[in-house]
Protein backbone atom coordinates (compact mmCIF):
# COMPACT_ATOMS: atom_id res chain seq x y z
CA MET A 1 88.02 -15.42 2.23
CA GLY A 2 84.95 -15.45 0.01
CA VAL A 3 81.29 -16.19 0.70
CA LYS A 4 80.09 -18.74 3.24
CA THR A 5 76.38 -18.56 2.43
CA VAL A 6 75.84 -19.26 -1.27
CA ILE A 7 72.69 -17.66 -2.64
CA THR A 8 70.94 -17.07 -5.95
CA LEU A 9 68.56 -14.35 -7.08
CA ALA A 10 65.68 -16.57 -5.96
CA ASP A 11 66.80 -16.16 -2.34
CA LEU A 12 66.34 -12.38 -2.44
CA PRO A 13 63.10 -10.44 -1.94
CA GLN A 14 61.59 -9.48 -5.29
CA SER A 15 60.93 -5.99 -3.93
CA LEU A 16 64.68 -5.29 -4.10
CA GLU A 17 64.54 -5.53 -7.90
CA ILE A 18 67.93 -7.21 -8.15
CA THR A 19 68.82 -8.64 -11.55
CA SER A 20 72.46 -9.65 -11.03
CA LEU A 21 74.48 -11.02 -8.14
CA GLU A 22 78.27 -11.25 -7.89
CA ALA A 23 80.02 -12.93 -4.98
CA SER A 24 82.88 -10.96 -3.45
CA LYS A 25 86.19 -12.52 -2.48
CA ASP A 26 86.78 -9.86 0.17
CA GLY A 27 84.62 -11.21 2.98
CA VAL A 28 86.52 -12.66 5.94
CA MET A 29 83.86 -13.45 8.54
CA ASP A 30 80.71 -12.74 6.53
CA SER A 31 79.33 -13.24 3.02
CA VAL A 32 79.39 -10.23 0.70
CA TYR A 33 77.72 -9.84 -2.70
CA PHE A 34 77.78 -7.01 -5.21
CA LEU A 35 74.33 -6.28 -6.58
CA ASN A 36 73.41 -5.05 -10.05
CA ASP A 37 73.83 -1.39 -9.19
CA GLU A 38 75.66 0.66 -6.56
CA ARG A 39 74.62 -1.66 -3.75
CA VAL A 40 76.32 -4.34 -1.66
CA LEU A 41 74.64 -7.15 0.27
CA LYS A 42 76.27 -8.42 3.45
CA ILE A 43 75.02 -11.62 5.10
CA PHE A 44 76.15 -11.83 8.72
CA GLU A 45 77.26 -15.38 9.43
CA ASN A 46 77.41 -15.26 13.23
CA ALA A 47 75.71 -12.03 14.31
CA THR A 48 72.25 -11.74 15.82
CA VAL A 49 69.46 -9.65 14.34
CA ALA A 50 69.77 -7.35 17.36
CA SER A 51 73.50 -6.73 16.84
CA VAL A 52 73.00 -6.03 13.12
CA GLU A 53 70.26 -3.57 14.02
CA GLU A 54 72.74 -1.89 16.38
CA GLU A 55 75.16 -1.51 13.47
CA ARG A 56 72.43 -0.05 11.27
CA LYS A 57 71.55 2.54 13.91
CA LEU A 58 75.22 3.41 14.40
CA LEU A 59 75.71 3.97 10.68
CA ILE A 60 72.72 6.30 10.63
CA LEU A 61 74.15 8.23 13.59
CA CYS A 62 77.46 8.66 11.75
CA GLU A 63 76.10 9.17 8.23
CA THR A 64 77.93 12.51 7.84
CA LEU A 65 81.26 10.67 8.01
CA PRO A 66 82.93 8.70 5.18
CA ILE A 67 81.47 5.35 6.18
CA ALA A 68 79.43 2.58 4.60
CA LYS A 69 75.81 3.77 4.29
CA SER A 70 73.11 1.22 5.09
CA LEU A 71 70.02 1.16 2.87
CA GLY A 72 66.78 -0.06 4.39
CA GLU A 73 65.97 -2.35 7.28
CA VAL A 74 67.65 -5.55 8.44
CA LEU A 75 66.78 -8.42 6.10
CA SER A 76 66.63 -12.16 6.64
CA ILE A 77 68.47 -14.14 3.94
CA CYS A 78 68.62 -17.93 4.32
CA GLY A 79 67.73 -17.49 7.98
CA LYS A 80 70.59 -15.05 8.64
CA PRO A 81 70.47 -11.28 9.21
CA ALA A 82 71.64 -9.14 6.31
CA LEU A 83 72.05 -5.49 5.33
CA ILE A 84 72.28 -3.70 2.03
CA TYR A 85 74.78 -0.85 1.76
CA ARG A 86 75.57 1.78 -0.80
CA ARG A 87 78.70 0.54 -2.53
CA CYS A 88 81.95 2.16 -1.38
CA HIS A 89 84.66 2.91 -3.91
CA GLY A 90 88.38 2.80 -3.33
CA LYS A 91 91.02 0.33 -2.20
CA SER A 92 92.47 -0.64 1.15
CA LEU A 93 96.13 0.08 1.80
CA LYS A 94 98.98 -2.38 2.19
CA SER A 95 101.00 0.24 4.06
CA ALA A 96 100.13 3.76 5.14
CA GLU A 97 101.96 7.01 4.51
CA ILE A 98 102.02 9.83 7.07
CA ASN A 99 99.19 11.75 5.37
CA GLU A 100 97.00 8.63 5.34
CA VAL A 101 97.70 8.02 9.02
CA ARG A 102 96.64 11.60 9.71
CA GLU A 103 93.41 11.10 7.78
CA ILE A 104 92.45 8.00 9.74
CA GLY A 105 93.30 9.76 13.01
CA THR A 106 91.06 12.68 12.07
CA PHE A 107 88.28 10.27 11.10
CA LEU A 108 88.51 8.40 14.39
CA ARG A 109 88.30 11.63 16.36
CA SER A 110 85.16 12.65 14.44
CA PHE A 111 83.65 9.21 14.97
CA HIS A 112 84.30 9.32 18.71
CA THR A 113 82.84 12.83 18.92
CA LEU A 114 79.56 11.44 17.60
CA THR A 115 79.56 8.29 19.76
CA ALA A 116 80.83 9.76 23.04
CA THR A 117 78.73 8.65 26.06
CA ARG A 118 76.34 6.69 23.84
CA GLN A 119 75.40 3.18 24.85
CA SER A 120 75.39 0.17 22.52
CA ALA A 121 73.25 -2.87 23.20
CA ASN A 122 76.12 -5.04 21.96
CA GLU A 123 78.28 -6.95 24.42
CA PRO A 124 81.51 -5.07 25.27
CA LEU A 125 84.07 -7.19 23.45
CA PHE A 126 87.34 -5.67 24.57
CA GLU A 127 87.11 -5.51 28.36
CA ARG A 128 89.86 -7.05 30.45
CA SER A 129 87.49 -9.63 31.93
CA ARG A 130 86.69 -10.94 28.45
CA LEU A 131 90.36 -11.04 27.48
CA GLU A 132 91.03 -13.04 30.65
CA ARG A 133 88.37 -15.55 29.59
CA MET A 134 89.87 -15.76 26.11
CA ILE A 135 93.32 -16.43 27.59
CA ARG A 136 91.95 -19.20 29.80
CA GLU A 137 90.32 -20.73 26.72
CA SER A 138 93.62 -20.57 24.82
CA ASN A 139 95.51 -22.28 27.65
CA VAL A 140 98.68 -20.45 26.52
CA GLU A 141 100.78 -19.43 29.52
CA ILE A 142 102.66 -16.58 27.82
CA PHE A 143 99.38 -14.74 27.15
CA ASP A 144 98.54 -14.78 30.85
CA THR A 145 102.06 -13.67 31.79
CA LEU A 146 101.93 -10.74 29.38
CA LEU A 147 98.50 -9.59 30.56
CA LYS A 148 99.66 -9.48 34.18
CA LYS A 149 102.41 -7.06 33.15
CA ILE A 150 99.96 -4.56 31.62
CA ASP A 151 98.77 -2.02 34.18
CA LEU A 152 95.73 -0.53 32.49
CA ARG A 153 92.18 0.25 33.55
CA LEU A 154 89.91 0.58 30.53
CA ARG A 155 87.15 3.20 30.51
CA ASN A 156 83.72 3.27 28.91
CA ASP A 157 83.93 6.42 26.79
CA GLY A 158 81.25 5.55 24.26
CA ILE A 159 80.96 3.37 21.17
CA ILE A 160 84.22 2.30 19.51
CA HIS A 161 84.92 0.67 16.14
CA GLY A 162 87.30 -1.87 17.67
CA ASP A 163 88.62 -3.24 14.38
CA LEU A 164 90.00 -0.28 12.42
CA PHE A 165 92.74 -2.19 10.65
CA MET A 166 93.88 -1.01 7.23
CA ASP A 167 91.66 -3.49 5.40
CA ASN A 168 88.60 -1.76 6.88
CA ALA A 169 89.32 1.60 5.27
CA LEU A 170 89.23 2.49 1.59
CA PHE A 171 91.19 5.27 -0.11
CA LYS A 172 90.50 6.84 -3.48
CA GLY A 173 92.61 9.49 -5.15
CA GLY A 174 94.84 9.69 -2.11
CA SER A 175 92.00 10.46 0.30
CA LEU A 176 89.93 8.40 2.73
CA SER A 177 86.72 7.45 0.93
CA CYS A 178 85.07 4.96 3.27
CA VAL A 179 85.44 3.13 6.59
CA ILE A 180 83.67 -0.23 6.70
CA ASP A 181 82.90 -3.21 8.95
CA PHE A 182 81.37 -1.96 12.18
CA THR A 183 80.44 -5.50 13.20
CA GLN A 184 82.50 -5.35 16.41
CA ALA A 185 81.40 -1.84 17.40
CA CYS A 186 80.51 -1.72 21.08
CA ASN A 187 81.15 0.35 24.17
CA GLY A 188 84.77 0.76 25.11
CA ASP A 189 87.78 2.97 25.72
CA PHE A 190 88.50 5.49 22.96
CA LEU A 191 92.26 5.19 23.53
CA PHE A 192 92.03 1.43 23.05
CA ASP A 193 90.34 2.13 19.71
CA LEU A 194 93.20 4.47 18.86
CA ALA A 195 95.74 1.81 19.88
CA VAL A 196 94.11 -0.78 17.60
CA THR A 197 94.46 1.72 14.77
CA ASP A 198 98.10 2.31 15.69
CA LEU A 199 98.67 -1.45 15.67
CA SER A 200 97.80 -1.69 11.99
CA TRP A 201 98.63 1.73 10.55
CA CYS A 202 101.82 2.80 12.33
CA ASP A 203 105.11 1.02 11.75
CA SER A 204 107.27 3.86 13.09
CA ASP A 205 107.34 6.32 15.97
CA GLU A 206 106.82 9.13 13.46
CA LYS A 207 103.54 7.60 12.29
CA THR A 208 102.37 7.01 15.86
CA GLU A 209 103.07 10.66 16.65
CA ALA A 210 101.12 11.69 13.54
CA LEU A 211 98.19 9.51 14.60
CA LEU A 212 98.09 10.94 18.12
CA GLU A 213 98.43 14.51 16.85
CA SER A 214 95.70 14.20 14.20
CA TYR A 215 93.39 12.56 16.74
CA GLY A 216 94.09 15.33 19.23
CA ALA A 217 95.16 12.94 21.97
CA THR A 218 96.67 14.36 25.13
CA ILE A 219 98.33 11.30 26.58
CA SER A 220 101.84 10.49 27.70
CA ALA A 221 103.92 8.09 25.64
CA GLU A 222 104.11 5.76 28.64
CA GLU A 223 100.34 5.62 29.10
CA PHE A 224 99.70 5.07 25.40
CA GLN A 225 102.28 2.29 25.37
CA SER A 226 100.10 0.37 27.83
CA TYR A 227 97.17 0.71 25.44
CA ARG A 228 99.33 -0.45 22.53
CA GLU A 229 100.44 -3.51 24.48
CA TYR A 230 96.87 -4.34 25.49
CA ALA A 231 95.58 -4.00 21.92
CA THR A 232 98.44 -6.13 20.59
CA LEU A 233 97.82 -8.83 23.17
CA PHE A 234 94.06 -8.80 22.60
CA TYR A 235 94.41 -9.38 18.88
CA SER A 236 97.19 -11.94 19.39
CA VAL A 237 94.85 -14.02 21.54
CA ASN A 238 91.91 -13.39 19.23
CA ARG A 239 93.86 -14.61 16.21
CA TYR A 240 95.18 -17.62 18.11
CA LEU A 241 91.64 -18.69 18.99
CA ASN A 242 90.47 -18.19 15.41
CA ASP A 243 93.40 -20.01 13.79
CA GLY A 244 94.88 -16.76 12.50
CA ASN A 245 98.47 -15.57 12.20
CA TYR A 246 99.10 -14.43 15.76
CA GLN A 247 102.88 -14.93 15.90
CA GLU A 248 103.81 -11.60 14.31
CA LEU A 249 101.75 -9.68 16.85
CA LEU A 250 102.98 -11.76 19.76
CA GLU A 251 106.60 -11.11 18.80
CA ARG A 252 106.01 -7.38 19.28
CA LEU A 253 105.39 -8.05 22.97
CA LEU A 254 108.36 -10.32 23.60
């Protein structure tokens, strides 16, 4: 947590007219700073300029939704791509109530409506072939065993968020105020995106039903279970490779 790239006002273009800079403790993969007004600076630690430009274009496409709004072009700060956003207000949830699950389901449906059939220049991150490579890299036998049990063919429906965990959504006054962090947005299966959301937001069958209903999904419980298992396995492997807490997710599959 916290910033990786430490900067001062001298590192920023004078044209931005920034007079104060406050490092955020919220960044996980990237460095985030609050600027002197209603703006936020995000320095992308591992992304390319091209992928950040893809995010900027996606945010413009979806600007009618409650999402982070990018301001201006992609910047270069200390040799790394960066974006400035309008500051979002609200707090992420520790656990979600039924009404909050319904709100995120409605948001995801609106997002997918805008991104359906569109093509991202970003690498598809969630395809089975990539997960297979990740499992080989992990050299953990149980991951391979679990994947072989999942009978699922992923589609390319359009651009997905891919990482809509609770810490990437802010609520204010009981309502969804902003969805953030589209760094992993790429082409993928909309139901996989829904399953990732279920993984974080739904700790009961009632909440899963509310998510599916608010999204407008017409899918059997058996078919969606395959998506849930795939999403759980994907993020188990991902966390294992990135020294994260993967055990809790893995236990859901055992």
